[in-house]
Amino acid sequence: MKVGVSIRTMGPPSTRQIISECALYAEQRGLDSIWLAEHIAIPPDDAEGSDGRYLDPLITLSYLAAKTERIKLGTGALILPYRSPLVTAKLLATLQELSEGRLLPV
């Protein structure tokens, strides 16, 4: 069985330090993967606790790829209609290359 963890990328807990510590902790404990979700346009009534802070999952995964060595990386949600297909493909291909193949299929 493979076990992964979802790291929060919105609100006060989404600081560089906290995200890095979570990713390194997961990798050191032998978890298989890190998952991030995308939050683009959340109505104010549903955004409680976010303080308007939503990190991009692909940029954040790129950052975590540089911080970790073996753990797989994935997105639990990627809102494709809001993204340019060509730019998104380029971002994913670059992340896959720089992470040495650790990006899980989207």
N, C-alpha and C. Protein backbone atom coordinates (compact mmCIF):
# COMPACT_ATOMS: atom_id res chain seq x y z
N MET A 1 0.84 -1.16 0.00
CA MET A 1 0.00 0.00 0.00
C MET A 1 0.89 1.24 0.00
N LYS A 2 0.49 2.24 -0.76
CA LYS A 2 1.23 3.50 -0.81
C LYS A 2 0.46 4.54 -0.01
N VAL A 3 1.22 5.37 0.71
CA VAL A 3 0.61 6.38 1.56
C VAL A 3 1.19 7.75 1.21
N GLY A 4 0.30 8.71 1.01
CA GLY A 4 0.72 10.07 0.71
C GLY A 4 0.09 11.05 1.69
N VAL A 5 0.47 12.30 1.54
CA VAL A 5 -0.05 13.34 2.42
C VAL A 5 -0.41 14.56 1.58
N SER A 6 -1.49 15.21 1.97
CA SER A 6 -1.88 16.47 1.33
C SER A 6 -1.38 17.61 2.21
N ILE A 7 -0.70 18.55 1.60
CA ILE A 7 -0.19 19.70 2.32
C ILE A 7 -1.05 20.91 1.98
N ARG A 8 -1.47 21.62 2.98
CA ARG A 8 -2.35 22.79 2.81
C ARG A 8 -1.57 23.93 2.15
N THR A 9 -2.14 24.50 1.11
CA THR A 9 -1.49 25.61 0.40
C THR A 9 -2.36 26.87 0.43
N MET A 10 -3.15 26.99 1.46
CA MET A 10 -3.96 28.19 1.61
C MET A 10 -3.98 28.60 3.08
N GLY A 11 -4.11 29.90 3.30
CA GLY A 11 -4.21 30.42 4.64
C GLY A 11 -2.87 30.51 5.36
N PRO A 12 -2.89 30.89 6.61
CA PRO A 12 -1.67 31.08 7.39
C PRO A 12 -0.74 29.87 7.44
N PRO A 13 -1.26 28.60 7.41
CA PRO A 13 -0.34 27.46 7.47
C PRO A 13 0.45 27.23 6.17
N SER A 14 0.24 28.07 5.17
CA SER A 14 0.91 27.84 3.89
C SER A 14 2.19 28.66 3.72
N THR A 15 2.93 28.82 4.80
CA THR A 15 4.20 29.53 4.71
C THR A 15 5.28 28.61 4.12
N ARG A 16 6.31 29.21 3.63
CA ARG A 16 7.43 28.45 3.07
C ARG A 16 8.00 27.49 4.12
N GLN A 17 8.16 27.96 5.33
CA GLN A 17 8.74 27.13 6.39
C GLN A 17 7.85 25.94 6.72
N ILE A 18 6.57 26.16 6.90
CA ILE A 18 5.66 25.07 7.26
C ILE A 18 5.55 24.06 6.14
N ILE A 19 5.40 24.53 4.90
CA ILE A 19 5.29 23.62 3.76
C ILE A 19 6.56 22.78 3.63
N SER A 20 7.71 23.42 3.75
CA SER A 20 8.99 22.70 3.66
C SER A 20 9.10 21.65 4.75
N GLU A 21 8.77 22.03 5.98
CA GLU A 21 8.87 21.09 7.10
C GLU A 21 7.94 19.90 6.91
N CYS A 22 6.74 20.14 6.42
CA CYS A 22 5.79 19.05 6.18
C CYS A 22 6.33 18.09 5.12
N ALA A 23 6.85 18.65 4.03
CA ALA A 23 7.37 17.82 2.94
C ALA A 23 8.57 17.00 3.41
N LEU A 24 9.48 17.62 4.11
CA LEU A 24 10.67 16.90 4.59
C LEU A 24 10.29 15.85 5.63
N TYR A 25 9.36 16.16 6.49
CA TYR A 25 8.90 15.20 7.48
C TYR A 25 8.28 13.98 6.79
N ALA A 26 7.44 14.23 5.79
CA ALA A 26 6.80 13.13 5.05
C ALA A 26 7.86 12.26 4.37
N GLU A 27 8.83 12.89 3.75
CA GLU A 27 9.88 12.12 3.06
C GLU A 27 10.72 11.32 4.06
N GLN A 28 11.10 11.94 5.16
CA GLN A 28 11.92 11.26 6.17
C GLN A 28 11.18 10.09 6.81
N ARG A 29 9.87 10.16 6.87
CA ARG A 29 9.08 9.08 7.49
C ARG A 29 8.70 8.00 6.48
N GLY A 30 9.15 8.14 5.24
CA GLY A 30 8.93 7.11 4.24
C GLY A 30 7.61 7.16 3.51
N LEU A 31 6.88 8.26 3.62
CA LEU A 31 5.65 8.38 2.84
C LEU A 31 5.99 8.39 1.36
N ASP A 32 5.02 8.00 0.54
CA ASP A 32 5.27 7.85 -0.89
C ASP A 32 5.07 9.13 -1.70
N SER A 33 4.15 9.99 -1.24
CA SER A 33 3.82 11.14 -2.09
C SER A 33 3.32 12.34 -1.29
N ILE A 34 3.43 13.49 -1.94
CA ILE A 34 2.90 14.76 -1.46
C ILE A 34 1.88 15.22 -2.49
N TRP A 35 0.73 15.66 -2.01
CA TRP A 35 -0.33 16.12 -2.89
C TRP A 35 -0.74 17.54 -2.52
N LEU A 36 -0.96 18.36 -3.54
CA LEU A 36 -1.44 19.72 -3.36
C LEU A 36 -2.70 19.91 -4.19
N ALA A 37 -3.59 20.75 -3.70
CA ALA A 37 -4.81 21.07 -4.44
C ALA A 37 -4.73 22.50 -4.96
N GLU A 38 -5.50 22.77 -5.97
CA GLU A 38 -5.54 24.13 -6.52
C GLU A 38 -6.82 24.82 -6.08
N HIS A 39 -6.68 26.05 -5.66
CA HIS A 39 -7.82 26.89 -5.28
C HIS A 39 -7.63 28.22 -6.00
N ILE A 40 -8.46 28.49 -6.99
CA ILE A 40 -8.28 29.71 -7.79
C ILE A 40 -9.26 30.79 -7.40
N ALA A 41 -10.53 30.51 -7.50
CA ALA A 41 -11.55 31.52 -7.26
C ALA A 41 -12.55 30.97 -6.24
N ILE A 42 -12.33 31.30 -4.99
CA ILE A 42 -13.21 30.82 -3.94
C ILE A 42 -14.06 31.99 -3.44
N PRO A 43 -15.36 31.81 -3.43
CA PRO A 43 -16.22 32.90 -2.93
C PRO A 43 -15.87 33.26 -1.49
N PRO A 44 -15.95 34.54 -1.14
CA PRO A 44 -15.59 34.98 0.21
C PRO A 44 -16.28 34.20 1.33
N ASP A 45 -17.54 33.79 1.11
CA ASP A 45 -18.27 33.04 2.14
C ASP A 45 -17.68 31.66 2.37
N ASP A 46 -16.98 31.12 1.38
CA ASP A 46 -16.38 29.79 1.49
C ASP A 46 -14.89 29.84 1.79
N ALA A 47 -14.34 31.03 1.92
CA ALA A 47 -12.89 31.18 2.07
C ALA A 47 -12.45 31.38 3.51
N GLU A 48 -13.30 31.01 4.45
CA GLU A 48 -12.98 31.21 5.86
C GLU A 48 -11.67 30.52 6.23
N GLY A 49 -10.82 31.26 6.90
CA GLY A 49 -9.55 30.72 7.35
C GLY A 49 -8.42 30.81 6.35
N SER A 50 -8.69 31.30 5.15
CA SER A 50 -7.64 31.36 4.13
C SER A 50 -6.89 32.69 4.15
N ASP A 51 -7.49 33.72 4.70
CA ASP A 51 -6.93 35.07 4.66
C ASP A 51 -6.59 35.51 3.25
N GLY A 52 -7.28 34.95 2.25
CA GLY A 52 -7.05 35.31 0.86
C GLY A 52 -5.75 34.77 0.29
N ARG A 53 -5.13 33.84 0.96
CA ARG A 53 -3.83 33.30 0.54
C ARG A 53 -4.03 31.93 -0.10
N TYR A 54 -3.69 31.82 -1.38
CA TYR A 54 -3.79 30.57 -2.12
C TYR A 54 -2.54 30.42 -2.99
N LEU A 55 -1.70 29.47 -2.67
CA LEU A 55 -0.48 29.26 -3.45
C LEU A 55 -0.77 28.40 -4.68
N ASP A 56 -0.07 28.67 -5.75
CA ASP A 56 -0.21 27.87 -6.97
C ASP A 56 0.42 26.49 -6.73
N PRO A 57 -0.30 25.41 -7.06
CA PRO A 57 0.23 24.08 -6.76
C PRO A 57 1.47 23.71 -7.59
N LEU A 58 1.54 24.14 -8.83
CA LEU A 58 2.69 23.75 -9.66
C LEU A 58 3.96 24.47 -9.24
N ILE A 59 3.84 25.73 -8.90
CA ILE A 59 5.01 26.46 -8.40
C ILE A 59 5.44 25.89 -7.05
N THR A 60 4.46 25.59 -6.20
CA THR A 60 4.77 25.03 -4.89
C THR A 60 5.40 23.65 -5.01
N LEU A 61 4.90 22.82 -5.92
CA LEU A 61 5.51 21.50 -6.13
C LEU A 61 6.93 21.63 -6.65
N SER A 62 7.18 22.62 -7.48
CA SER A 62 8.55 22.86 -7.97
C SER A 62 9.47 23.20 -6.81
N TYR A 63 8.99 24.04 -5.93
CA TYR A 63 9.75 24.41 -4.74
C TYR A 63 10.03 23.16 -3.89
N LEU A 64 9.01 22.33 -3.68
CA LEU A 64 9.18 21.14 -2.87
C LEU A 64 10.07 20.10 -3.54
N ALA A 65 10.06 20.08 -4.86
CA ALA A 65 10.96 19.16 -5.59
C ALA A 65 12.42 19.50 -5.30
N ALA A 66 12.70 20.79 -5.16
CA ALA A 66 14.06 21.22 -4.86
C ALA A 66 14.44 20.93 -3.41
N LYS A 67 13.46 20.84 -2.53
CA LYS A 67 13.72 20.60 -1.11
C LYS A 67 13.82 19.11 -0.76
N THR A 68 13.22 18.25 -1.60
CA THR A 68 13.16 16.82 -1.32
C THR A 68 13.97 16.05 -2.36
N GLU A 69 14.12 14.74 -2.13
CA GLU A 69 14.93 13.94 -3.05
C GLU A 69 14.20 12.78 -3.69
N ARG A 70 13.26 12.14 -2.97
CA ARG A 70 12.68 10.92 -3.51
C ARG A 70 11.16 10.91 -3.55
N ILE A 71 10.51 11.64 -2.69
CA ILE A 71 9.05 11.58 -2.57
C ILE A 71 8.39 12.03 -3.87
N LYS A 72 7.33 11.33 -4.26
CA LYS A 72 6.57 11.67 -5.47
C LYS A 72 5.74 12.93 -5.21
N LEU A 73 5.40 13.62 -6.30
CA LEU A 73 4.70 14.91 -6.22
C LEU A 73 3.45 14.86 -7.09
N GLY A 74 2.34 15.37 -6.56
CA GLY A 74 1.12 15.34 -7.35
C GLY A 74 0.15 16.44 -6.98
N THR A 75 -0.81 16.66 -7.86
CA THR A 75 -1.89 17.60 -7.59
C THR A 75 -3.18 16.81 -7.41
N GLY A 76 -3.88 17.08 -6.33
CA GLY A 76 -5.17 16.45 -6.10
C GLY A 76 -6.26 17.13 -6.92
N ALA A 77 -6.02 18.37 -7.29
CA ALA A 77 -6.94 19.13 -8.13
C ALA A 77 -6.14 20.17 -8.90
N LEU A 78 -6.39 20.24 -10.17
CA LEU A 78 -5.79 21.25 -11.03
C LEU A 78 -6.91 21.77 -11.92
N ILE A 79 -7.26 23.03 -11.80
CA ILE A 79 -8.42 23.59 -12.50
C ILE A 79 -8.01 23.96 -13.93
N LEU A 80 -8.07 23.00 -14.82
CA LEU A 80 -7.57 23.18 -16.18
C LEU A 80 -8.30 24.24 -17.00
N PRO A 81 -9.62 24.42 -16.86
CA PRO A 81 -10.27 25.46 -17.67
C PRO A 81 -9.74 26.88 -17.41
N TYR A 82 -9.14 27.11 -16.24
CA TYR A 82 -8.58 28.43 -15.92
C TYR A 82 -7.15 28.58 -16.41
N ARG A 83 -6.56 27.51 -16.93
CA ARG A 83 -5.15 27.53 -17.31
C ARG A 83 -4.99 27.42 -18.83
N SER A 84 -3.96 28.03 -19.33
CA SER A 84 -3.60 27.88 -20.73
C SER A 84 -3.05 26.46 -20.93
N PRO A 85 -3.60 25.70 -21.87
CA PRO A 85 -3.12 24.33 -22.07
C PRO A 85 -1.62 24.25 -22.40
N LEU A 86 -1.15 25.12 -23.25
CA LEU A 86 0.26 25.08 -23.65
C LEU A 86 1.18 25.45 -22.49
N VAL A 87 0.83 26.50 -21.76
CA VAL A 87 1.65 26.92 -20.61
C VAL A 87 1.62 25.84 -19.52
N THR A 88 0.45 25.27 -19.27
CA THR A 88 0.34 24.22 -18.26
C THR A 88 1.18 23.00 -18.64
N ALA A 89 1.12 22.61 -19.90
CA ALA A 89 1.93 21.48 -20.36
C ALA A 89 3.42 21.76 -20.17
N LYS A 90 3.82 22.97 -20.47
CA LYS A 90 5.23 23.35 -20.30
C LYS A 90 5.63 23.32 -18.82
N LEU A 91 4.78 23.85 -17.95
CA LEU A 91 5.06 23.82 -16.51
C LEU A 91 5.18 22.39 -16.00
N LEU A 92 4.25 21.53 -16.40
CA LEU A 92 4.29 20.13 -15.96
C LEU A 92 5.52 19.41 -16.49
N ALA A 93 5.86 19.64 -17.75
CA ALA A 93 7.04 19.00 -18.33
C ALA A 93 8.32 19.47 -17.64
N THR A 94 8.38 20.74 -17.32
CA THR A 94 9.56 21.27 -16.62
C THR A 94 9.65 20.70 -15.21
N LEU A 95 8.53 20.64 -14.51
CA LEU A 95 8.51 20.06 -13.17
C LEU A 95 8.93 18.58 -13.22
N GLN A 96 8.44 17.86 -14.20
CA GLN A 96 8.81 16.44 -14.34
C GLN A 96 10.31 16.29 -14.59
N GLU A 97 10.86 17.14 -15.41
CA GLU A 97 12.30 17.09 -15.73
C GLU A 97 13.15 17.45 -14.51
N LEU A 98 12.82 18.57 -13.87
CA LEU A 98 13.65 19.03 -12.75
C LEU A 98 13.50 18.19 -11.49
N SER A 99 12.38 17.48 -11.36
CA SER A 99 12.19 16.60 -10.22
C SER A 99 12.70 15.19 -10.50
N GLU A 100 13.28 15.01 -11.67
CA GLU A 100 13.82 13.71 -12.10
C GLU A 100 12.74 12.63 -12.12
N GLY A 101 11.58 12.99 -12.70
CA GLY A 101 10.52 12.02 -12.92
C GLY A 101 9.62 11.74 -11.73
N ARG A 102 9.61 12.62 -10.74
CA ARG A 102 8.80 12.36 -9.54
C ARG A 102 7.38 12.88 -9.63
N LEU A 103 7.03 13.59 -10.69
CA LEU A 103 5.66 14.10 -10.83
C LEU A 103 4.72 12.96 -11.18
N LEU A 104 3.67 12.81 -10.39
CA LEU A 104 2.66 11.79 -10.65
C LEU A 104 1.74 12.26 -11.76
N PRO A 105 1.14 11.35 -12.50
CA PRO A 105 0.26 11.76 -13.60
C PRO A 105 -0.88 12.65 -13.11
N VAL A 106 -1.15 13.67 -13.90
CA VAL A 106 -2.23 14.60 -13.56
C VAL A 106 -3.54 14.04 -14.07
